[in-house]
Amino acid sequence: MMDLDSPGQAEIPEREWVTVSAGSTVPFSFEGRGKQRHRDTHELKVHQLLVHVEGWQEVGPVTVDKVGVFFRVAAPDPQLPPTQTNELPNARLIMAVTLDGSARKLVTVRSALQLTNLLHCPIDVRLENSALRFGGED
């Protein structure tokens, strides 16, 4: 464990948030392009993402250096009014890191809940937390 308040320790990098709407793809990079010999190659660079979904606390970090599927649990945001915080359950997020081509990574963030409509007409779906409403009784 590293004490980040001690003098001489590495500083926490500044966070740069990128807003991504549902169903969209946004390209990003961790560092600028350039020749390898002009970079500080003695420093270990770990490429990680933090994910923040509106209404929940941020989750992470998730490394994108490895291909795989990563699971995180997001708790309700304490900044919300207490009435809303009590109604929101924890949410499970799934982040899948895959290769797109030979070197580019694709990070897909989704809910653990997936619904597929196989009907020929659109449907409305509503999710209720009945355990909170009925006091956890069956």
N, C-alpha and C. Protein backbone atom coordinates (compact mmCIF):
# COMPACT_ATOMS: atom_id res chain seq x y z
N MET A 1 0.85 -1.16 0.00
CA MET A 1 0.00 0.00 0.00
C MET A 1 0.90 1.23 0.00
N MET A 2 0.51 2.24 -0.77
CA MET A 2 1.32 3.44 -0.89
C MET A 2 0.59 4.61 -0.26
N ASP A 3 1.31 5.38 0.55
CA ASP A 3 0.76 6.57 1.17
C ASP A 3 0.91 7.72 0.19
N LEU A 4 -0.19 8.16 -0.41
CA LEU A 4 -0.12 9.20 -1.43
C LEU A 4 0.11 10.59 -0.86
N ASP A 5 -0.03 10.74 0.48
CA ASP A 5 0.18 12.05 1.09
C ASP A 5 1.65 12.29 1.42
N SER A 6 2.47 11.25 1.37
CA SER A 6 3.88 11.40 1.72
C SER A 6 4.62 12.18 0.65
N PRO A 7 5.58 13.03 1.04
CA PRO A 7 6.35 13.74 0.02
C PRO A 7 7.19 12.76 -0.79
N GLY A 8 7.34 13.07 -2.07
CA GLY A 8 8.13 12.23 -2.95
C GLY A 8 7.33 11.13 -3.61
N GLN A 9 6.08 10.96 -3.24
CA GLN A 9 5.26 9.93 -3.86
C GLN A 9 4.63 10.46 -5.14
N ALA A 10 4.24 9.56 -6.01
CA ALA A 10 3.60 9.95 -7.27
C ALA A 10 2.25 10.61 -6.99
N GLU A 11 1.93 11.60 -7.79
CA GLU A 11 0.65 12.28 -7.62
C GLU A 11 -0.44 11.52 -8.37
N ILE A 12 -1.66 11.65 -7.87
CA ILE A 12 -2.80 11.03 -8.55
C ILE A 12 -3.09 11.84 -9.81
N PRO A 13 -3.18 11.17 -10.96
CA PRO A 13 -3.44 11.92 -12.19
C PRO A 13 -4.82 12.58 -12.16
N GLU A 14 -4.92 13.70 -12.83
CA GLU A 14 -6.18 14.42 -12.88
C GLU A 14 -7.18 13.62 -13.71
N ARG A 15 -8.43 13.58 -13.25
CA ARG A 15 -9.46 12.82 -13.94
C ARG A 15 -10.06 13.65 -15.06
N GLU A 16 -10.19 13.02 -16.19
CA GLU A 16 -10.84 13.66 -17.33
C GLU A 16 -12.03 12.79 -17.70
N TRP A 17 -13.25 13.29 -17.43
CA TRP A 17 -14.45 12.52 -17.67
C TRP A 17 -14.91 12.71 -19.11
N VAL A 18 -15.32 11.62 -19.73
CA VAL A 18 -15.87 11.63 -21.09
C VAL A 18 -17.29 11.11 -20.99
N THR A 19 -18.26 11.91 -21.44
CA THR A 19 -19.66 11.50 -21.40
C THR A 19 -19.98 10.67 -22.63
N VAL A 20 -20.57 9.51 -22.40
CA VAL A 20 -20.93 8.60 -23.50
C VAL A 20 -22.41 8.28 -23.35
N SER A 21 -23.19 8.58 -24.37
CA SER A 21 -24.62 8.27 -24.31
C SER A 21 -24.85 6.81 -24.65
N ALA A 22 -26.02 6.30 -24.28
CA ALA A 22 -26.34 4.89 -24.48
C ALA A 22 -26.27 4.52 -25.96
N GLY A 23 -25.64 3.40 -26.23
CA GLY A 23 -25.56 2.88 -27.59
C GLY A 23 -24.53 3.54 -28.49
N SER A 24 -23.74 4.47 -27.97
CA SER A 24 -22.78 5.17 -28.81
C SER A 24 -21.37 4.68 -28.55
N THR A 25 -20.48 4.99 -29.49
CA THR A 25 -19.07 4.64 -29.39
C THR A 25 -18.26 5.91 -29.43
N VAL A 26 -17.37 6.09 -28.47
CA VAL A 26 -16.53 7.29 -28.39
C VAL A 26 -15.07 6.85 -28.34
N PRO A 27 -14.27 7.25 -29.33
CA PRO A 27 -12.85 6.90 -29.28
C PRO A 27 -12.10 7.76 -28.26
N PHE A 28 -11.08 7.19 -27.63
CA PHE A 28 -10.26 7.93 -26.69
C PHE A 28 -8.89 7.28 -26.65
N SER A 29 -7.92 8.00 -26.11
CA SER A 29 -6.58 7.43 -25.93
C SER A 29 -6.04 7.91 -24.59
N PHE A 30 -5.11 7.15 -24.05
CA PHE A 30 -4.54 7.49 -22.75
C PHE A 30 -3.37 8.44 -22.87
N GLU A 31 -2.64 8.38 -23.96
CA GLU A 31 -1.48 9.24 -24.13
C GLU A 31 -1.33 9.57 -25.60
N GLY A 32 -0.65 10.65 -25.86
CA GLY A 32 -0.47 11.09 -27.23
C GLY A 32 0.42 10.15 -28.02
N ARG A 33 0.31 10.26 -29.32
CA ARG A 33 1.14 9.44 -30.20
C ARG A 33 2.54 10.04 -30.26
N GLY A 34 3.48 9.24 -30.53
CA GLY A 34 4.86 9.68 -30.63
C GLY A 34 5.79 8.50 -30.66
N LYS A 35 7.03 8.75 -30.88
CA LYS A 35 8.01 7.66 -30.95
C LYS A 35 8.32 7.15 -29.55
N GLN A 36 8.48 5.83 -29.47
CA GLN A 36 8.73 5.19 -28.18
C GLN A 36 10.01 5.71 -27.54
N ARG A 37 11.04 6.03 -28.33
CA ARG A 37 12.32 6.45 -27.75
C ARG A 37 12.25 7.84 -27.12
N HIS A 38 11.20 8.62 -27.41
CA HIS A 38 11.06 9.95 -26.84
C HIS A 38 10.22 9.95 -25.56
N ARG A 39 9.75 8.79 -25.14
CA ARG A 39 8.91 8.70 -23.94
C ARG A 39 9.74 8.24 -22.75
N ASP A 40 9.16 8.42 -21.57
CA ASP A 40 9.79 7.90 -20.35
C ASP A 40 9.45 6.41 -20.27
N THR A 41 10.32 5.57 -20.78
CA THR A 41 10.04 4.15 -20.83
C THR A 41 10.31 3.44 -19.50
N HIS A 42 10.95 4.11 -18.56
CA HIS A 42 11.22 3.48 -17.27
C HIS A 42 10.03 3.56 -16.33
N GLU A 43 8.99 4.30 -16.71
CA GLU A 43 7.80 4.42 -15.87
C GLU A 43 6.78 3.36 -16.28
N LEU A 44 6.18 2.73 -15.29
CA LEU A 44 5.13 1.76 -15.55
C LEU A 44 3.82 2.51 -15.75
N LYS A 45 3.21 2.33 -16.90
CA LYS A 45 1.94 2.99 -17.20
C LYS A 45 0.84 1.94 -17.19
N VAL A 46 -0.11 2.10 -16.33
CA VAL A 46 -1.25 1.21 -16.26
C VAL A 46 -2.45 1.97 -16.79
N HIS A 47 -3.11 1.41 -17.78
CA HIS A 47 -4.25 2.08 -18.40
C HIS A 47 -5.53 1.57 -17.76
N GLN A 48 -6.16 2.45 -16.97
CA GLN A 48 -7.36 2.07 -16.23
C GLN A 48 -8.47 3.08 -16.46
N LEU A 49 -9.70 2.60 -16.34
CA LEU A 49 -10.88 3.45 -16.48
C LEU A 49 -11.67 3.45 -15.18
N LEU A 50 -12.23 4.59 -14.86
CA LEU A 50 -13.25 4.70 -13.82
C LEU A 50 -14.56 4.94 -14.55
N VAL A 51 -15.63 4.34 -14.09
CA VAL A 51 -16.93 4.50 -14.73
C VAL A 51 -17.89 5.12 -13.73
N HIS A 52 -18.60 6.15 -14.17
CA HIS A 52 -19.59 6.81 -13.32
C HIS A 52 -20.91 6.84 -14.07
N VAL A 53 -21.92 6.19 -13.50
CA VAL A 53 -23.26 6.18 -14.07
C VAL A 53 -24.11 7.11 -13.22
N GLU A 54 -24.88 7.96 -13.88
CA GLU A 54 -25.69 8.94 -13.16
C GLU A 54 -26.61 8.26 -12.16
N GLY A 55 -26.54 8.71 -10.91
CA GLY A 55 -27.36 8.16 -9.84
C GLY A 55 -26.62 7.17 -8.96
N TRP A 56 -25.41 6.74 -9.38
CA TRP A 56 -24.63 5.80 -8.61
C TRP A 56 -23.23 6.34 -8.42
N GLN A 57 -22.51 5.78 -7.46
CA GLN A 57 -21.12 6.17 -7.23
C GLN A 57 -20.24 5.60 -8.34
N GLU A 58 -19.10 6.24 -8.56
CA GLU A 58 -18.20 5.73 -9.59
C GLU A 58 -17.63 4.38 -9.19
N VAL A 59 -17.34 3.57 -10.19
CA VAL A 59 -16.77 2.25 -9.96
C VAL A 59 -15.47 2.14 -10.74
N GLY A 60 -14.65 1.26 -10.31
CA GLY A 60 -13.38 1.06 -10.99
C GLY A 60 -12.30 0.87 -9.98
N PRO A 61 -11.09 0.91 -10.35
CA PRO A 61 -10.63 1.02 -11.72
C PRO A 61 -10.70 -0.31 -12.45
N VAL A 62 -10.85 -0.22 -13.76
CA VAL A 62 -10.84 -1.39 -14.63
C VAL A 62 -9.68 -1.22 -15.59
N THR A 63 -8.79 -2.19 -15.63
CA THR A 63 -7.66 -2.10 -16.53
C THR A 63 -8.07 -2.47 -17.94
N VAL A 64 -7.59 -1.73 -18.91
CA VAL A 64 -7.88 -2.05 -20.31
C VAL A 64 -6.65 -2.64 -20.99
N ASP A 65 -5.61 -2.93 -20.21
CA ASP A 65 -4.43 -3.57 -20.77
C ASP A 65 -4.69 -5.06 -21.00
N LYS A 66 -5.66 -5.63 -20.32
CA LYS A 66 -6.00 -7.04 -20.46
C LYS A 66 -7.38 -7.17 -21.08
N VAL A 67 -7.52 -8.12 -21.99
CA VAL A 67 -8.82 -8.42 -22.59
C VAL A 67 -9.57 -9.32 -21.62
N GLY A 68 -10.85 -9.02 -21.41
CA GLY A 68 -11.65 -9.84 -20.51
C GLY A 68 -12.94 -9.15 -20.13
N VAL A 69 -13.68 -9.79 -19.25
CA VAL A 69 -14.95 -9.25 -18.74
C VAL A 69 -14.77 -8.98 -17.26
N PHE A 70 -15.09 -7.75 -16.85
CA PHE A 70 -14.90 -7.32 -15.47
C PHE A 70 -16.23 -6.90 -14.89
N PHE A 71 -16.47 -7.24 -13.63
CA PHE A 71 -17.72 -6.93 -12.94
C PHE A 71 -17.44 -5.95 -11.82
N ARG A 72 -18.30 -4.97 -11.65
CA ARG A 72 -18.20 -4.02 -10.55
C ARG A 72 -19.62 -3.76 -10.02
N VAL A 73 -19.69 -3.46 -8.72
CA VAL A 73 -20.97 -3.12 -8.09
C VAL A 73 -20.95 -1.64 -7.73
N ALA A 74 -21.97 -0.93 -8.17
CA ALA A 74 -22.09 0.50 -7.90
C ALA A 74 -23.17 0.72 -6.86
N ALA A 75 -22.81 1.47 -5.82
CA ALA A 75 -23.76 1.83 -4.77
C ALA A 75 -24.46 3.13 -5.16
N PRO A 76 -25.65 3.36 -4.65
CA PRO A 76 -26.35 4.62 -4.94
C PRO A 76 -25.50 5.82 -4.53
N ASP A 77 -25.62 6.89 -5.26
CA ASP A 77 -24.87 8.11 -5.01
C ASP A 77 -25.37 8.76 -3.73
N PRO A 78 -24.48 9.00 -2.74
CA PRO A 78 -24.93 9.62 -1.49
C PRO A 78 -25.32 11.09 -1.67
N GLN A 79 -25.00 11.69 -2.81
CA GLN A 79 -25.38 13.08 -3.08
C GLN A 79 -26.88 13.21 -3.39
N LEU A 80 -27.53 12.09 -3.71
CA LEU A 80 -28.96 12.12 -4.00
C LEU A 80 -29.75 12.38 -2.72
N PRO A 81 -30.96 12.93 -2.85
CA PRO A 81 -31.81 13.08 -1.66
C PRO A 81 -32.06 11.73 -1.00
N PRO A 82 -32.16 11.67 0.33
CA PRO A 82 -32.30 10.39 1.04
C PRO A 82 -33.47 9.55 0.54
N THR A 83 -34.53 10.16 0.10
CA THR A 83 -35.67 9.38 -0.37
C THR A 83 -35.32 8.60 -1.63
N GLN A 84 -34.52 9.19 -2.52
CA GLN A 84 -34.11 8.48 -3.74
C GLN A 84 -33.03 7.46 -3.46
N THR A 85 -32.11 7.75 -2.55
CA THR A 85 -31.02 6.83 -2.23
C THR A 85 -31.58 5.55 -1.64
N ASN A 86 -32.61 5.65 -0.80
CA ASN A 86 -33.20 4.47 -0.17
C ASN A 86 -33.90 3.58 -1.19
N GLU A 87 -34.36 4.16 -2.29
CA GLU A 87 -35.11 3.39 -3.29
C GLU A 87 -34.20 2.70 -4.29
N LEU A 88 -32.97 3.16 -4.44
CA LEU A 88 -32.08 2.59 -5.44
C LEU A 88 -31.30 1.41 -4.87
N PRO A 89 -31.37 0.26 -5.51
CA PRO A 89 -30.52 -0.86 -5.07
C PRO A 89 -29.12 -0.70 -5.67
N ASN A 90 -28.18 -1.50 -5.19
CA ASN A 90 -26.87 -1.53 -5.82
C ASN A 90 -27.04 -2.02 -7.25
N ALA A 91 -26.21 -1.54 -8.15
CA ALA A 91 -26.27 -1.93 -9.55
C ALA A 91 -24.99 -2.67 -9.92
N ARG A 92 -25.12 -3.73 -10.68
CA ARG A 92 -23.94 -4.45 -11.16
C ARG A 92 -23.66 -4.00 -12.59
N LEU A 93 -22.41 -3.56 -12.79
CA LEU A 93 -21.97 -3.14 -14.12
C LEU A 93 -21.03 -4.19 -14.69
N ILE A 94 -21.14 -4.40 -15.98
CA ILE A 94 -20.25 -5.32 -16.68
C ILE A 94 -19.46 -4.53 -17.70
N MET A 95 -18.14 -4.64 -17.62
CA MET A 95 -17.24 -3.97 -18.57
C MET A 95 -16.48 -5.04 -19.32
N ALA A 96 -16.71 -5.11 -20.62
CA ALA A 96 -16.04 -6.09 -21.47
C ALA A 96 -14.98 -5.39 -22.29
N VAL A 97 -13.73 -5.83 -22.17
CA VAL A 97 -12.62 -5.30 -22.95
C VAL A 97 -12.29 -6.33 -24.02
N THR A 98 -12.46 -5.95 -25.29
CA THR A 98 -12.20 -6.84 -26.41
C THR A 98 -11.26 -6.18 -27.39
N LEU A 99 -10.67 -6.98 -28.25
CA LEU A 99 -9.81 -6.45 -29.30
C LEU A 99 -10.66 -6.10 -30.52
N ASP A 100 -10.43 -4.91 -31.05
CA ASP A 100 -11.09 -4.46 -32.27
C ASP A 100 -9.99 -4.33 -33.32
N GLY A 101 -9.84 -5.35 -34.14
CA GLY A 101 -8.72 -5.37 -35.07
C GLY A 101 -7.53 -6.02 -34.39
N SER A 102 -6.33 -5.54 -34.72
CA SER A 102 -5.13 -6.18 -34.18
C SER A 102 -4.63 -5.56 -32.88
N ALA A 103 -4.89 -4.27 -32.64
CA ALA A 103 -4.34 -3.64 -31.45
C ALA A 103 -5.32 -2.75 -30.71
N ARG A 104 -6.33 -2.26 -31.37
CA ARG A 104 -7.27 -1.33 -30.74
C ARG A 104 -8.21 -2.09 -29.80
N LYS A 105 -8.45 -1.52 -28.63
CA LYS A 105 -9.34 -2.14 -27.65
C LYS A 105 -10.72 -1.49 -27.71
N LEU A 106 -11.74 -2.29 -27.48
CA LEU A 106 -13.11 -1.82 -27.41
C LEU A 106 -13.62 -2.13 -26.02
N VAL A 107 -14.07 -1.10 -25.29
CA VAL A 107 -14.59 -1.26 -23.94
C VAL A 107 -16.10 -1.07 -24.00
N THR A 108 -16.84 -2.10 -23.62
CA THR A 108 -18.30 -2.06 -23.60
C THR A 108 -18.76 -2.05 -22.16
N VAL A 109 -19.52 -1.03 -21.78
CA VAL A 109 -20.06 -0.91 -20.43
C VAL A 109 -21.56 -1.15 -20.53
N ARG A 110 -22.06 -2.08 -19.72
CA ARG A 110 -23.49 -2.38 -19.76
C ARG A 110 -23.98 -2.83 -18.39
N SER A 111 -25.26 -2.89 -18.28
CA SER A 111 -25.88 -3.40 -17.07
C SER A 111 -25.82 -4.91 -17.08
N ALA A 112 -25.92 -5.51 -15.91
CA ALA A 112 -25.97 -6.97 -15.84
C ALA A 112 -27.33 -7.48 -16.31
N LEU A 113 -28.30 -6.60 -16.37
CA LEU A 113 -29.63 -6.99 -16.84
C LEU A 113 -29.73 -6.72 -18.33
N GLN A 114 -30.13 -7.72 -19.09
CA GLN A 114 -30.32 -7.55 -20.53
C GLN A 114 -31.68 -8.11 -20.92
N LEU A 115 -32.41 -7.33 -21.67
CA LEU A 115 -33.71 -7.75 -22.19
C LEU A 115 -33.65 -7.74 -23.71
N THR A 116 -34.26 -8.73 -24.32
CA THR A 116 -34.34 -8.78 -25.77
C THR A 116 -35.80 -8.92 -26.16
N ASN A 117 -36.27 -8.01 -26.99
CA ASN A 117 -37.64 -8.04 -27.46
C ASN A 117 -37.69 -8.83 -28.76
N LEU A 118 -38.31 -10.02 -28.74
CA LEU A 118 -38.47 -10.83 -29.94
C LEU A 118 -39.87 -10.70 -30.53
N LEU A 119 -40.65 -9.79 -29.97
CA LEU A 119 -41.99 -9.53 -30.50
C LEU A 119 -41.89 -8.61 -31.72
N HIS A 120 -42.97 -8.53 -32.46
CA HIS A 120 -43.00 -7.67 -33.65
C HIS A 120 -43.45 -6.25 -33.33
N CYS A 121 -43.71 -5.97 -32.06
CA CYS A 121 -44.13 -4.63 -31.67
C CYS A 121 -43.29 -4.18 -30.48
N PRO A 122 -43.14 -2.86 -30.33
CA PRO A 122 -42.35 -2.38 -29.19
C PRO A 122 -43.08 -2.62 -27.87
N ILE A 123 -42.31 -2.77 -26.79
CA ILE A 123 -42.90 -2.97 -25.47
C ILE A 123 -42.27 -1.99 -24.49
N ASP A 124 -42.99 -1.68 -23.43
CA ASP A 124 -42.47 -0.87 -22.33
C ASP A 124 -42.13 -1.82 -21.18
N VAL A 125 -40.99 -1.58 -20.57
CA VAL A 125 -40.54 -2.42 -19.46
C VAL A 125 -40.36 -1.55 -18.25
N ARG A 126 -40.84 -2.03 -17.10
CA ARG A 126 -40.69 -1.30 -15.86
C ARG A 126 -40.12 -2.24 -14.82
N LEU A 127 -39.08 -1.78 -14.12
CA LEU A 127 -38.43 -2.59 -13.10
C LEU A 127 -38.75 -1.99 -11.74
N GLU A 128 -39.31 -2.81 -10.87
CA GLU A 128 -39.67 -2.34 -9.53
C GLU A 128 -38.86 -3.10 -8.50
N ASN A 129 -38.51 -2.41 -7.44
CA ASN A 129 -37.83 -3.05 -6.32
C ASN A 129 -38.89 -3.35 -5.27
N SER A 130 -39.58 -4.47 -5.43
CA SER A 130 -40.70 -4.80 -4.54
C SER A 130 -40.23 -5.14 -3.13
N ALA A 131 -38.98 -5.56 -2.95
CA ALA A 131 -38.49 -5.87 -1.61
C ALA A 131 -38.48 -4.62 -0.74
N LEU A 132 -38.15 -3.47 -1.32
CA LEU A 132 -38.17 -2.23 -0.55
C LEU A 132 -39.59 -1.79 -0.25
N ARG A 133 -40.46 -1.96 -1.23
CA ARG A 133 -41.82 -1.50 -1.07
C ARG A 133 -42.58 -2.32 -0.04
N PHE A 134 -42.34 -3.62 0.01
CA PHE A 134 -43.08 -4.50 0.92
C PHE A 134 -42.27 -4.88 2.15
N GLY A 135 -41.15 -4.23 2.39
CA GLY A 135 -40.35 -4.50 3.58
C GLY A 135 -39.58 -5.80 3.53
N GLY A 136 -39.31 -6.31 2.33
CA GLY A 136 -38.50 -7.52 2.18
C GLY A 136 -39.25 -8.82 2.40
N GLU A 137 -40.57 -8.78 2.55
CA GLU A 137 -41.35 -9.99 2.76
C GLU A 137 -41.76 -10.57 1.42
N ASP A 138 -41.89 -11.89 1.37
CA ASP A 138 -42.34 -12.57 0.14
C ASP A 138 -43.84 -12.71 0.11
